[in-house]
Amino acid sequence: MRSLHRHLFFVEVTTAVNHHEREIEFHDLLDTATHLFKPQMTDSCETLAYNLARDLRSFMERGFRVSVFEDNECGATVEVE
């Protein structure tokens, strides 16, 4: 019988900042990314990173680089402009 296992995903979101006076509120970005990140056990780190970057791009109308690591060991980075 196959047993389910659980992974902890570590996510890093990066975006360009063009000036230093709160062009983007990072706590709002954190809240939005947390809301949009919906991992499924069958999704790869590449898919999770792409989906989050795409959804953030649609929501905030700017480019993002998203890295997703499984158990903080191996992962993928995807950039959506």
PDB file of N, CA and C in Angstrom:
ATOM      1  N   MET A   1       0.842  -1.174   0.000  1.00  0.00           N
ATOM      2  CA  MET A   1       0.000   0.000   0.000  1.00  0.00           C
ATOM      3  C   MET A   1       0.890   1.240   0.000  1.00  0.00           C
ATOM      4  N   ARG A   2       0.513   2.204  -0.764  1.00  0.00           N
ATOM      5  CA  ARG A   2       1.254   3.444  -0.878  1.00  0.00           C
ATOM      6  C   ARG A   2       0.857   4.391   0.240  1.00  0.00           C
ATOM      7  N   SER A   3       1.814   5.027   0.868  1.00  0.00           N
ATOM      8  CA  SER A   3       1.499   5.988   1.923  1.00  0.00           C
ATOM      9  C   SER A   3       1.703   7.408   1.415  1.00  0.00           C
ATOM     10  N   LEU A   4       0.867   8.287   1.868  1.00  0.00           N
ATOM     11  CA  LEU A   4       0.985   9.694   1.494  1.00  0.00           C
ATOM     12  C   LEU A   4       2.145  10.315   2.260  1.00  0.00           C
ATOM     13  N   HIS A   5       2.836  11.189   1.621  1.00  0.00           N
ATOM     14  CA  HIS A   5       3.881  11.934   2.307  1.00  0.00           C
ATOM     15  C   HIS A   5       3.626  13.422   2.078  1.00  0.00           C
ATOM     16  N   ARG A   6       4.166  14.195   2.952  1.00  0.00           N
ATOM     17  CA  ARG A   6       3.897  15.622   2.876  1.00  0.00           C
ATOM     18  C   ARG A   6       5.215  16.344   2.655  1.00  0.00           C
ATOM     19  N   HIS A   7       5.155  17.411   1.891  1.00  0.00           N
ATOM     20  CA  HIS A   7       6.332  18.240   1.644  1.00  0.00           C
ATOM     21  C   HIS A   7       6.052  19.640   2.158  1.00  0.00           C
ATOM     22  N   LEU A   8       7.095  20.278   2.615  1.00  0.00           N
ATOM     23  CA  LEU A   8       7.020  21.693   2.949  1.00  0.00           C
ATOM     24  C   LEU A   8       7.602  22.457   1.774  1.00  0.00           C
ATOM     25  N   PHE A   9       6.846  23.410   1.263  1.00  0.00           N
ATOM     26  CA  PHE A   9       7.314  24.212   0.141  1.00  0.00           C
ATOM     27  C   PHE A   9       7.814  25.546   0.657  1.00  0.00           C
ATOM     28  N   PHE A  10       8.986  25.935   0.188  1.00  0.00           N
ATOM     29  CA  PHE A  10       9.563  27.228   0.501  1.00  0.00           C
ATOM     30  C   PHE A  10       9.495  28.057  -0.767  1.00  0.00           C
ATOM     31  N   VAL A  11       8.936  29.253  -0.652  1.00  0.00           N
ATOM     32  CA  VAL A  11       8.669  30.082  -1.824  1.00  0.00           C
ATOM     33  C   VAL A  11       9.377  31.418  -1.661  1.00  0.00           C
ATOM     34  N   GLU A  12      10.021  31.848  -2.738  1.00  0.00           N
ATOM     35  CA  GLU A  12      10.637  33.175  -2.769  1.00  0.00           C
ATOM     36  C   GLU A  12      10.103  33.916  -3.980  1.00  0.00           C
ATOM     37  N   VAL A  13       9.615  35.140  -3.766  1.00  0.00           N
ATOM     38  CA  VAL A  13       9.066  35.968  -4.839  1.00  0.00           C
ATOM     39  C   VAL A  13       9.939  37.211  -4.960  1.00  0.00           C
ATOM     40  N   THR A  14      10.344  37.519  -6.193  1.00  0.00           N
ATOM     41  CA  THR A  14      11.175  38.678  -6.463  1.00  0.00           C
ATOM     42  C   THR A  14      10.531  39.507  -7.558  1.00  0.00           C
ATOM     43  N   THR A  15      10.601  40.832  -7.406  1.00  0.00           N
ATOM     44  CA  THR A  15      10.127  41.741  -8.439  1.00  0.00           C
ATOM     45  C   THR A  15      11.021  42.967  -8.457  1.00  0.00           C
ATOM     46  N   ALA A  16      11.093  43.643  -9.578  1.00  0.00           N
ATOM     47  CA  ALA A  16      11.907  44.849  -9.694  1.00  0.00           C
ATOM     48  C   ALA A  16      11.250  45.999  -8.931  1.00  0.00           C
ATOM     49  N   VAL A  17      12.080  46.821  -8.347  1.00  0.00           N
ATOM     50  CA  VAL A  17      11.616  48.026  -7.659  1.00  0.00           C
ATOM     51  C   VAL A  17      12.326  49.206  -8.312  1.00  0.00           C
ATOM     52  N   ASN A  18      11.561  50.143  -8.823  1.00  0.00           N
ATOM     53  CA  ASN A  18      12.128  51.260  -9.583  1.00  0.00           C
ATOM     54  C   ASN A  18      12.433  52.491  -8.743  1.00  0.00           C
ATOM     55  N   HIS A  19      11.891  52.574  -7.558  1.00  0.00           N
ATOM     56  CA  HIS A  19      12.249  53.652  -6.641  1.00  0.00           C
ATOM     57  C   HIS A  19      12.083  53.152  -5.216  1.00  0.00           C
ATOM     58  N   HIS A  20      12.620  53.868  -4.250  1.00  0.00           N
ATOM     59  CA  HIS A  20      12.703  53.368  -2.871  1.00  0.00           C
ATOM     60  C   HIS A  20      11.614  53.886  -1.937  1.00  0.00           C
ATOM     61  N   GLU A  21      10.559  54.420  -2.457  1.00  0.00           N
ATOM     62  CA  GLU A  21       9.479  54.931  -1.607  1.00  0.00           C
ATOM     63  C   GLU A  21       8.210  54.094  -1.742  1.00  0.00           C
ATOM     64  N   ARG A  22       8.307  52.854  -1.335  1.00  0.00           N
ATOM     65  CA  ARG A  22       7.156  51.940  -1.282  1.00  0.00           C
ATOM     66  C   ARG A  22       6.386  51.839  -2.586  1.00  0.00           C
ATOM     67  N   GLU A  23       7.125  51.613  -3.634  1.00  0.00           N
ATOM     68  CA  GLU A  23       6.485  51.380  -4.929  1.00  0.00           C
ATOM     69  C   GLU A  23       5.538  50.190  -4.830  1.00  0.00           C
ATOM     70  N   ILE A  24       5.948  49.200  -4.069  1.00  0.00           N
ATOM     71  CA  ILE A  24       5.106  48.042  -3.810  1.00  0.00           C
ATOM     72  C   ILE A  24       5.220  47.739  -2.319  1.00  0.00           C
ATOM     73  N   GLU A  25       4.100  47.530  -1.682  1.00  0.00           N
ATOM     74  CA  GLU A  25       4.101  47.213  -0.244  1.00  0.00           C
ATOM     75  C   GLU A  25       4.340  45.716  -0.109  1.00  0.00           C
ATOM     76  N   PHE A  26       5.469  45.353   0.473  1.00  0.00           N
ATOM     77  CA  PHE A  26       5.859  43.952   0.498  1.00  0.00           C
ATOM     78  C   PHE A  26       4.959  43.090   1.372  1.00  0.00           C
ATOM     79  N   HIS A  27       4.355  43.669   2.385  1.00  0.00           N
ATOM     80  CA  HIS A  27       3.402  42.886   3.189  1.00  0.00           C
ATOM     81  C   HIS A  27       2.159  42.555   2.361  1.00  0.00           C
ATOM     82  N   ASP A  28       1.741  43.478   1.509  1.00  0.00           N
ATOM     83  CA  ASP A  28       0.618  43.192   0.604  1.00  0.00           C
ATOM     84  C   ASP A  28       1.005  42.108  -0.395  1.00  0.00           C
ATOM     85  N   LEU A  29       2.231  42.177  -0.901  1.00  0.00           N
ATOM     86  CA  LEU A  29       2.715  41.146  -1.824  1.00  0.00           C
ATOM     87  C   LEU A  29       2.743  39.784  -1.140  1.00  0.00           C
ATOM     88  N   LEU A  30       3.213  39.742   0.096  1.00  0.00           N
ATOM     89  CA  LEU A  30       3.233  38.489   0.856  1.00  0.00           C
ATOM     90  C   LEU A  30       1.827  37.937   1.032  1.00  0.00           C
ATOM     91  N   ASP A  31       0.879  38.799   1.419  1.00  0.00           N
ATOM     92  CA  ASP A  31      -0.505  38.354   1.606  1.00  0.00           C
ATOM     93  C   ASP A  31      -1.091  37.823   0.298  1.00  0.00           C
ATOM     94  N   THR A  32      -0.837  38.530  -0.803  1.00  0.00           N
ATOM     95  CA  THR A  32      -1.370  38.114  -2.104  1.00  0.00           C
ATOM     96  C   THR A  32      -0.759  36.793  -2.543  1.00  0.00           C
ATOM     97  N   ALA A  33       0.561  36.663  -2.415  1.00  0.00           N
ATOM     98  CA  ALA A  33       1.229  35.421  -2.811  1.00  0.00           C
ATOM     99  C   ALA A  33       0.747  34.247  -1.962  1.00  0.00           C
ATOM    100  N   THR A  34       0.568  34.472  -0.672  1.00  0.00           N
ATOM    101  CA  THR A  34       0.077  33.413   0.212  1.00  0.00           C
ATOM    102  C   THR A  34      -1.315  32.964  -0.206  1.00  0.00           C
ATOM    103  N   HIS A  35      -2.154  33.923  -0.570  1.00  0.00           N
ATOM    104  CA  HIS A  35      -3.523  33.611  -1.005  1.00  0.00           C
ATOM    105  C   HIS A  35      -3.526  32.841  -2.338  1.00  0.00           C
ATOM    106  N   LEU A  36      -2.632  33.215  -3.253  1.00  0.00           N
ATOM    107  CA  LEU A  36      -2.632  32.624  -4.590  1.00  0.00           C
ATOM    108  C   LEU A  36      -1.904  31.276  -4.669  1.00  0.00           C
ATOM    109  N   PHE A  37      -0.998  31.008  -3.741  1.00  0.00           N
ATOM    110  CA  PHE A  37      -0.203  29.778  -3.795  1.00  0.00           C
ATOM    111  C   PHE A  37      -1.034  28.604  -3.309  1.00  0.00           C
ATOM    112  N   LYS A  38      -1.348  27.685  -4.233  1.00  0.00           N
ATOM    113  CA  LYS A  38      -2.206  26.550  -3.922  1.00  0.00           C
ATOM    114  C   LYS A  38      -1.535  25.267  -4.415  1.00  0.00           C
ATOM    115  N   PRO A  39      -0.607  24.730  -3.628  1.00  0.00           N
ATOM    116  CA  PRO A  39       0.111  23.538  -4.087  1.00  0.00           C
ATOM    117  C   PRO A  39      -0.768  22.297  -4.111  1.00  0.00           C
ATOM    118  N   GLN A  40      -0.563  21.505  -5.157  1.00  0.00           N
ATOM    119  CA  GLN A  40      -1.192  20.191  -5.286  1.00  0.00           C
ATOM    120  C   GLN A  40      -0.065  19.161  -5.237  1.00  0.00           C
ATOM    121  N   MET A  41      -0.320  18.008  -4.671  1.00  0.00           N
ATOM    122  CA  MET A  41       0.717  16.987  -4.521  1.00  0.00           C
ATOM    123  C   MET A  41       1.287  16.530  -5.866  1.00  0.00           C
ATOM    124  N   THR A  42       0.531  16.676  -6.947  1.00  0.00           N
ATOM    125  CA  THR A  42       1.002  16.201  -8.245  1.00  0.00           C
ATOM    126  C   THR A  42       1.774  17.268  -9.019  1.00  0.00           C
ATOM    127  N   ASP A  43       1.779  18.509  -8.549  1.00  0.00           N
ATOM    128  CA  ASP A  43       2.459  19.592  -9.262  1.00  0.00           C
ATOM    129  C   ASP A  43       3.953  19.591  -8.969  1.00  0.00           C
ATOM    130  N   SER A  44       4.738  19.862  -9.990  1.00  0.00           N
ATOM    131  CA  SER A  44       6.183  19.988  -9.820  1.00  0.00           C
ATOM    132  C   SER A  44       6.499  21.382  -9.267  1.00  0.00           C
ATOM    133  N   CYS A  45       7.715  21.542  -8.781  1.00  0.00           N
ATOM    134  CA  CYS A  45       8.146  22.862  -8.313  1.00  0.00           C
ATOM    135  C   CYS A  45       8.098  23.876  -9.458  1.00  0.00           C
ATOM    136  N   GLU A  46       8.439  23.429 -10.674  1.00  0.00           N
ATOM    137  CA  GLU A  46       8.381  24.312 -11.838  1.00  0.00           C
ATOM    138  C   GLU A  46       6.960  24.798 -12.090  1.00  0.00           C
ATOM    139  N   THR A  47       6.004  23.887 -12.006  1.00  0.00           N
ATOM    140  CA  THR A  47       4.603  24.252 -12.223  1.00  0.00           C
ATOM    141  C   THR A  47       4.105  25.187 -11.135  1.00  0.00           C
ATOM    142  N   LEU A  48       4.429  24.888  -9.897  1.00  0.00           N
ATOM    143  CA  LEU A  48       4.007  25.753  -8.789  1.00  0.00           C
ATOM    144  C   LEU A  48       4.592  27.154  -8.932  1.00  0.00           C
ATOM    145  N   ALA A  49       5.870  27.242  -9.289  1.00  0.00           N
ATOM    146  CA  ALA A  49       6.516  28.544  -9.462  1.00  0.00           C
ATOM    147  C   ALA A  49       5.890  29.308 -10.624  1.00  0.00           C
ATOM    148  N   TYR A  50       5.678  28.632 -11.754  1.00  0.00           N
ATOM    149  CA  TYR A  50       5.077  29.291 -12.914  1.00  0.00           C
ATOM    150  C   TYR A  50       3.673  29.788 -12.604  1.00  0.00           C
ATOM    151  N   ASN A  51       2.848  28.936 -11.988  1.00  0.00           N
ATOM    152  CA  ASN A  51       1.468  29.330 -11.691  1.00  0.00           C
ATOM    153  C   ASN A  51       1.412  30.539 -10.776  1.00  0.00           C
ATOM    154  N   LEU A  52       2.264  30.570  -9.759  1.00  0.00           N
ATOM    155  CA  LEU A  52       2.259  31.712  -8.850  1.00  0.00           C
ATOM    156  C   LEU A  52       2.758  32.971  -9.558  1.00  0.00           C
ATOM    157  N   ALA A  53       3.830  32.861 -10.330  1.00  0.00           N
ATOM    158  CA  ALA A  53       4.342  34.025 -11.062  1.00  0.00           C
ATOM    159  C   ALA A  53       3.298  34.556 -12.032  1.00  0.00           C
ATOM    160  N   ARG A  54       2.634  33.663 -12.746  1.00  0.00           N
ATOM    161  CA  ARG A  54       1.584  34.061 -13.707  1.00  0.00           C
ATOM    162  C   ARG A  54       0.423  34.749 -13.003  1.00  0.00           C
ATOM    163  N   ASP A  55      -0.020  34.172 -11.878  1.00  0.00           N
ATOM    164  CA  ASP A  55      -1.146  34.748 -11.151  1.00  0.00           C
ATOM    165  C   ASP A  55      -0.787  36.096 -10.536  1.00  0.00           C
ATOM    166  N   LEU A  56       0.424  36.224 -10.014  1.00  0.00           N
ATOM    167  CA  LEU A  56       0.866  37.515  -9.479  1.00  0.00           C
ATOM    168  C   LEU A  56       0.955  38.550 -10.590  1.00  0.00           C
ATOM    169  N   ARG A  57       1.469  38.143 -11.750  1.00  0.00           N
ATOM    170  CA  ARG A  57       1.580  39.047 -12.907  1.00  0.00           C
ATOM    171  C   ARG A  57       0.202  39.546 -13.322  1.00  0.00           C
ATOM    172  N   SER A  58      -0.763  38.674 -13.360  1.00  0.00           N
ATOM    173  CA  SER A  58      -2.130  39.066 -13.726  1.00  0.00           C
ATOM    174  C   SER A  58      -2.737  40.003 -12.694  1.00  0.00           C
ATOM    175  N   PHE A  59      -2.458  39.740 -11.438  1.00  0.00           N
ATOM    176  CA  PHE A  59      -3.058  40.507 -10.348  1.00  0.00           C
ATOM    177  C   PHE A  59      -2.396  41.871 -10.160  1.00  0.00           C
ATOM    178  N   MET A  60      -1.069  41.942 -10.276  1.00  0.00           N
ATOM    179  CA  MET A  60      -0.339  43.164  -9.958  1.00  0.00           C
ATOM    180  C   MET A  60       0.269  43.861 -11.176  1.00  0.00           C
ATOM    181  N   GLU A  61       0.103  43.286 -12.359  1.00  0.00           N
ATOM    182  CA  GLU A  61       0.544  43.887 -13.621  1.00  0.00           C
ATOM    183  C   GLU A  61       2.016  44.300 -13.614  1.00  0.00           C
ATOM    184  N   ARG A  62       2.883  43.357 -13.236  1.00  0.00           N
ATOM    185  CA  ARG A  62       4.333  43.554 -13.264  1.00  0.00           C
ATOM    186  C   ARG A  62       4.983  42.183 -13.332  1.00  0.00           C
ATOM    187  N   GLY A  63       6.242  42.128 -13.681  1.00  0.00           N
ATOM    188  CA  GLY A  63       6.939  40.861 -13.785  1.00  0.00           C
ATOM    189  C   GLY A  63       7.386  40.327 -12.425  1.00  0.00           C
ATOM    190  N   PHE A  64       7.490  39.009 -12.342  1.00  0.00           N
ATOM    191  CA  PHE A  64       7.916  38.358 -11.098  1.00  0.00           C
ATOM    192  C   PHE A  64       8.838  37.194 -11.397  1.00  0.00           C
ATOM    193  N   ARG A  65       9.752  36.950 -10.482  1.00  0.00           N
ATOM    194  CA  ARG A  65      10.567  35.744 -10.470  1.00  0.00           C
ATOM    195  C   ARG A  65      10.160  34.975  -9.217  1.00  0.00           C
ATOM    196  N   VAL A  66       9.777  33.725  -9.390  1.00  0.00           N
ATOM    197  CA  VAL A  66       9.317  32.906  -8.269  1.00  0.00           C
ATOM    198  C   VAL A  66      10.159  31.633  -8.201  1.00  0.00           C
ATOM    199  N   SER A  67      10.652  31.341  -7.012  1.00  0.00           N
ATOM    200  CA  SER A  67      11.366  30.092  -6.750  1.00  0.00           C
ATOM    201  C   SER A  67      10.546  29.273  -5.764  1.00  0.00           C
ATOM    202  N   VAL A  68      10.426  27.987  -6.042  1.00  0.00           N
ATOM    203  CA  VAL A  68       9.733  27.064  -5.144  1.00  0.00           C
ATOM    204  C   VAL A  68      10.679  25.905  -4.861  1.00  0.00           C
ATOM    205  N   PHE A  69      10.901  25.646  -3.578  1.00  0.00           N
ATOM    206  CA  PHE A  69      11.782  24.565  -3.150  1.00  0.00           C
ATOM    207  C   PHE A  69      10.981  23.564  -2.331  1.00  0.00           C
ATOM    208  N   GLU A  70      11.203  22.301  -2.604  1.00  0.00           N
ATOM    209  CA  GLU A  70      10.541  21.224  -1.870  1.00  0.00           C
ATOM    210  C   GLU A  70      11.434  20.841  -0.691  1.00  0.00           C
ATOM    211  N   ASP A  71      10.902  20.992   0.507  1.00  0.00           N
ATOM    212  CA  ASP A  71      11.629  20.697   1.739  1.00  0.00           C
ATOM    213  C   ASP A  71      12.925  21.510   1.845  1.00  0.00           C
ATOM    214  N   ASN A  72      12.946  22.670   1.210  1.00  0.00           N
ATOM    215  CA  ASN A  72      14.074  23.611   1.208  1.00  0.00           C
ATOM    216  C   ASN A  72      15.361  22.963   0.695  1.00  0.00           C
ATOM    217  N   GLU A  73      15.213  21.996  -0.213  1.00  0.00           N
ATOM    218  CA  GLU A  73      16.381  21.297  -0.746  1.00  0.00           C
ATOM    219  C   GLU A  73      16.520  21.475  -2.252  1.00  0.00           C
ATOM    220  N   CYS A  74      15.543  21.036  -3.006  1.00  0.00           N
ATOM    221  CA  CYS A  74      15.591  21.086  -4.455  1.00  0.00           C
ATOM    222  C   CYS A  74      14.393  21.886  -4.940  1.00  0.00           C
ATOM    223  N   GLY A  75      14.566  22.568  -6.061  1.00  0.00           N
ATOM    224  CA  GLY A  75      13.448  23.354  -6.539  1.00  0.00           C
ATOM    225  C   GLY A  75      13.691  23.930  -7.901  1.00  0.00           C
ATOM    226  N   ALA A  76      12.904  24.953  -8.213  1.00  0.00           N
ATOM    227  CA  ALA A  76      12.954  25.581  -9.536  1.00  0.00           C
ATOM    228  C   ALA A  76      12.659  27.060  -9.397  1.00  0.00           C
ATOM    229  N   THR A  77      13.189  27.820 -10.360  1.00  0.00           N
ATOM    230  CA  THR A  77      12.927  29.258 -10.447  1.00  0.00           C
ATOM    231  C   THR A  77      12.345  29.550 -11.819  1.00  0.00           C
ATOM    232  N   VAL A  78      11.274  30.341 -11.840  1.00  0.00           N
ATOM    233  CA  VAL A  78      10.586  30.703 -13.077  1.00  0.00           C
ATOM    234  C   VAL A  78      10.399  32.219 -13.075  1.00  0.00           C
ATOM    235  N   GLU A  79      10.561  32.817 -14.252  1.00  0.00           N
ATOM    236  CA  GLU A  79      10.376  34.260 -14.379  1.00  0.00           C
ATOM    237  C   GLU A  79       9.274  34.524 -15.400  1.00  0.00           C
ATOM    238  N   VAL A  80       8.329  35.394 -15.031  1.00  0.00           N
ATOM    239  CA  VAL A  80       7.243  35.798 -15.931  1.00  0.00           C
ATOM    240  C   VAL A  80       7.267  37.307 -16.007  1.00  0.00           C
ATOM    241  N   GLU A  81       7.479  37.819 -17.201  1.00  0.00           N
ATOM    242  CA  GLU A  81       7.529  39.284 -17.414  1.00  0.00           C
ATOM    243  C   GLU A  81       6.178  39.836 -17.759  1.00  0.00           C
TER     244      GLU A  81
END
